Amino acid sequence: MKLVPLTDRVVLKQCEAEETTKSGIILASAAQEKPQEAMVIAVGPGGIVDGKEITMQVKEGQKVIYSKYSGTEVKLEGEEYIIVRQNDILAVVE
């Protein structure tokens, strides 16, 4: 099964949470902060959204940073994904 986003939606797979701090302290799973970095899995075609032409700026395989409380979490075949609007993506990590 494959997720195919519509219009200006982007499917993201969240990167793993840091398990240790920079100083080497191991974090319990409850203390780990949910990362805002993710890999782009699929990109919608763009098009007209709210009367404006939307051109997609991200591509599959890019690593991005997205807004903390954005998107919809979905689970498909045991994998967790986040579906966000393109304008919820803040930056591309190069």
C-alpha atoms as a PDB file:
ATOM      1  CA  MET A   1       0.000   0.000   0.000  1.00  0.00           C
ATOM      2  CA  LYS A   2       1.261   3.497  -0.799  1.00  0.00           C
ATOM      3  CA  LEU A   3       0.293   6.952   0.502  1.00  0.00           C
ATOM      4  CA  VAL A   4      -0.342   9.425  -2.316  1.00  0.00           C
ATOM      5  CA  PRO A   5      -0.887  12.976  -1.018  1.00  0.00           C
ATOM      6  CA  LEU A   6      -3.335  15.350  -2.694  1.00  0.00           C
ATOM      7  CA  THR A   7      -2.840  19.022  -3.683  1.00  0.00           C
ATOM      8  CA  ASP A   8      -0.246  20.732  -1.429  1.00  0.00           C
ATOM      9  CA  ARG A   9       0.173  17.863   1.056  1.00  0.00           C
ATOM     10  CA  VAL A  10       3.495  16.161   1.844  1.00  0.00           C
ATOM     11  CA  VAL A  11       3.998  12.754   3.508  1.00  0.00           C
ATOM     12  CA  LEU A  12       6.873  12.733   6.022  1.00  0.00           C
ATOM     13  CA  LYS A  13       8.588   9.959   7.972  1.00  0.00           C
ATOM     14  CA  GLN A  14       9.892  11.309  11.240  1.00  0.00           C
ATOM     15  CA  CYS A  15      13.599  10.916  12.045  1.00  0.00           C
ATOM     16  CA  GLU A  16      14.557   8.963  15.162  1.00  0.00           C
ATOM     17  CA  ALA A  17      14.643  10.837  18.481  1.00  0.00           C
ATOM     18  CA  GLU A  18      18.012  11.481  20.082  1.00  0.00           C
ATOM     19  CA  GLU A  19      18.714   8.844  22.728  1.00  0.00           C
ATOM     20  CA  THR A  20      21.667  10.639  24.324  1.00  0.00           C
ATOM     21  CA  THR A  21      22.508  14.264  25.023  1.00  0.00           C
ATOM     22  CA  LYS A  22      25.642  15.905  23.630  1.00  0.00           C
ATOM     23  CA  SER A  23      27.311  15.336  26.997  1.00  0.00           C
ATOM     24  CA  GLY A  24      26.560  11.582  26.809  1.00  0.00           C
ATOM     25  CA  ILE A  25      23.595  11.310  29.172  1.00  0.00           C
ATOM     26  CA  ILE A  26      21.188   8.563  28.056  1.00  0.00           C
ATOM     27  CA  LEU A  27      17.563   9.768  27.910  1.00  0.00           C
ATOM     28  CA  ALA A  28      14.577   7.638  28.915  1.00  0.00           C
ATOM     29  CA  SER A  29      11.977   7.318  26.169  1.00  0.00           C
ATOM     30  CA  ALA A  30       9.569   9.546  28.131  1.00  0.00           C
ATOM     31  CA  ALA A  31      12.183  12.334  28.285  1.00  0.00           C
ATOM     32  CA  GLN A  32      13.042  12.235  24.585  1.00  0.00           C
ATOM     33  CA  GLU A  33      11.762  15.239  22.694  1.00  0.00           C
ATOM     34  CA  LYS A  34       9.826  14.485  19.534  1.00  0.00           C
ATOM     35  CA  PRO A  35      12.090  15.553  16.658  1.00  0.00           C
ATOM     36  CA  GLN A  36      10.915  18.081  14.100  1.00  0.00           C
ATOM     37  CA  GLU A  37      13.154  16.613  11.386  1.00  0.00           C
ATOM     38  CA  ALA A  38      11.681  14.235   8.844  1.00  0.00           C
ATOM     39  CA  MET A  39      12.328  12.663   5.450  1.00  0.00           C
ATOM     40  CA  VAL A  40       9.967  13.481   2.587  1.00  0.00           C
ATOM     41  CA  ILE A  41       8.331  10.237   1.446  1.00  0.00           C
ATOM     42  CA  ALA A  42       5.787  11.571  -1.074  1.00  0.00           C
ATOM     43  CA  VAL A  43       4.770  14.971  -2.464  1.00  0.00           C
ATOM     44  CA  GLY A  44       1.376  16.038  -3.807  1.00  0.00           C
ATOM     45  CA  PRO A  45       1.042  17.561  -7.277  1.00  0.00           C
ATOM     46  CA  GLY A  46       0.342  21.127  -6.107  1.00  0.00           C
ATOM     47  CA  GLY A  47      -2.362  22.984  -7.995  1.00  0.00           C
ATOM     48  CA  ILE A  48      -4.962  25.538  -6.965  1.00  0.00           C
ATOM     49  CA  VAL A  49      -5.474  25.854  -3.184  1.00  0.00           C
ATOM     50  CA  ASP A  50      -7.755  28.609  -1.833  1.00  0.00           C
ATOM     51  CA  GLY A  51      -7.672  30.331  -5.237  1.00  0.00           C
ATOM     52  CA  LYS A  52      -3.855  30.452  -5.402  1.00  0.00           C
ATOM     53  CA  GLU A  53      -1.524  28.431  -7.614  1.00  0.00           C
ATOM     54  CA  ILE A  54       0.734  26.225  -5.458  1.00  0.00           C
ATOM     55  CA  THR A  55       4.063  24.989  -6.818  1.00  0.00           C
ATOM     56  CA  MET A  56       5.673  22.257  -4.745  1.00  0.00           C
ATOM     57  CA  GLN A  57       9.097  23.280  -3.385  1.00  0.00           C
ATOM     58  CA  VAL A  58      10.147  19.964  -1.796  1.00  0.00           C
ATOM     59  CA  LYS A  59      11.030  16.620  -3.378  1.00  0.00           C
ATOM     60  CA  GLU A  60      11.021  13.008  -2.242  1.00  0.00           C
ATOM     61  CA  GLY A  61      14.137  12.068  -0.299  1.00  0.00           C
ATOM     62  CA  GLN A  62      14.829  15.526   1.142  1.00  0.00           C
ATOM     63  CA  LYS A  63      15.276  16.023   4.887  1.00  0.00           C
ATOM     64  CA  VAL A  64      13.083  18.834   6.211  1.00  0.00           C
ATOM     65  CA  ILE A  65      12.178  20.631   9.428  1.00  0.00           C
ATOM     66  CA  TYR A  66       8.448  21.108  10.020  1.00  0.00           C
ATOM     67  CA  SER A  67       6.269  23.030  12.491  1.00  0.00           C
ATOM     68  CA  LYS A  68       6.031  21.394  15.901  1.00  0.00           C
ATOM     69  CA  TYR A  69       2.251  20.990  16.159  1.00  0.00           C
ATOM     70  CA  SER A  70       1.367  20.566  12.500  1.00  0.00           C
ATOM     71  CA  GLY A  71       0.134  17.678  10.442  1.00  0.00           C
ATOM     72  CA  THR A  72      -1.856  14.518  10.883  1.00  0.00           C
ATOM     73  CA  GLU A  73      -0.193  11.352  12.144  1.00  0.00           C
ATOM     74  CA  VAL A  74      -1.173   8.150  10.353  1.00  0.00           C
ATOM     75  CA  LYS A  75      -0.077   4.539  10.728  1.00  0.00           C
ATOM     76  CA  LEU A  76       0.108   2.319   7.649  1.00  0.00           C
ATOM     77  CA  GLU A  77       1.436  -1.250   7.635  1.00  0.00           C
ATOM     78  CA  GLY A  78       3.221  -0.737  10.952  1.00  0.00           C
ATOM     79  CA  GLU A  79       4.974   2.488   9.858  1.00  0.00           C
ATOM     80  CA  GLU A  80       4.122   5.919  11.229  1.00  0.00           C
ATOM     81  CA  TYR A  81       3.861   8.909   8.889  1.00  0.00           C
ATOM     82  CA  ILE A  82       2.918  12.572   9.200  1.00  0.00           C
ATOM     83  CA  ILE A  83       0.910  14.338   6.492  1.00  0.00           C
ATOM     84  CA  VAL A  84       1.483  18.104   6.450  1.00  0.00           C
ATOM     85  CA  ARG A  85       0.720  21.002   4.145  1.00  0.00           C
ATOM     86  CA  GLN A  86       3.733  22.342   2.288  1.00  0.00           C
ATOM     87  CA  ASN A  87       3.511  25.662   4.171  1.00  0.00           C
ATOM     88  CA  ASP A  88       4.029  23.724   7.474  1.00  0.00           C
ATOM     89  CA  ILE A  89       7.544  22.838   6.275  1.00  0.00           C
ATOM     90  CA  LEU A  90       9.954  25.452   7.618  1.00  0.00           C
ATOM     91  CA  ALA A  91      13.255  24.473   5.979  1.00  0.00           C
ATOM     92  CA  VAL A  92      15.125  21.909   3.901  1.00  0.00           C
ATOM     93  CA  VAL A  93      18.216  20.418   5.578  1.00  0.00           C
ATOM     94  CA  GLU A  94      21.145  20.191   3.156  1.00  0.00           C
END
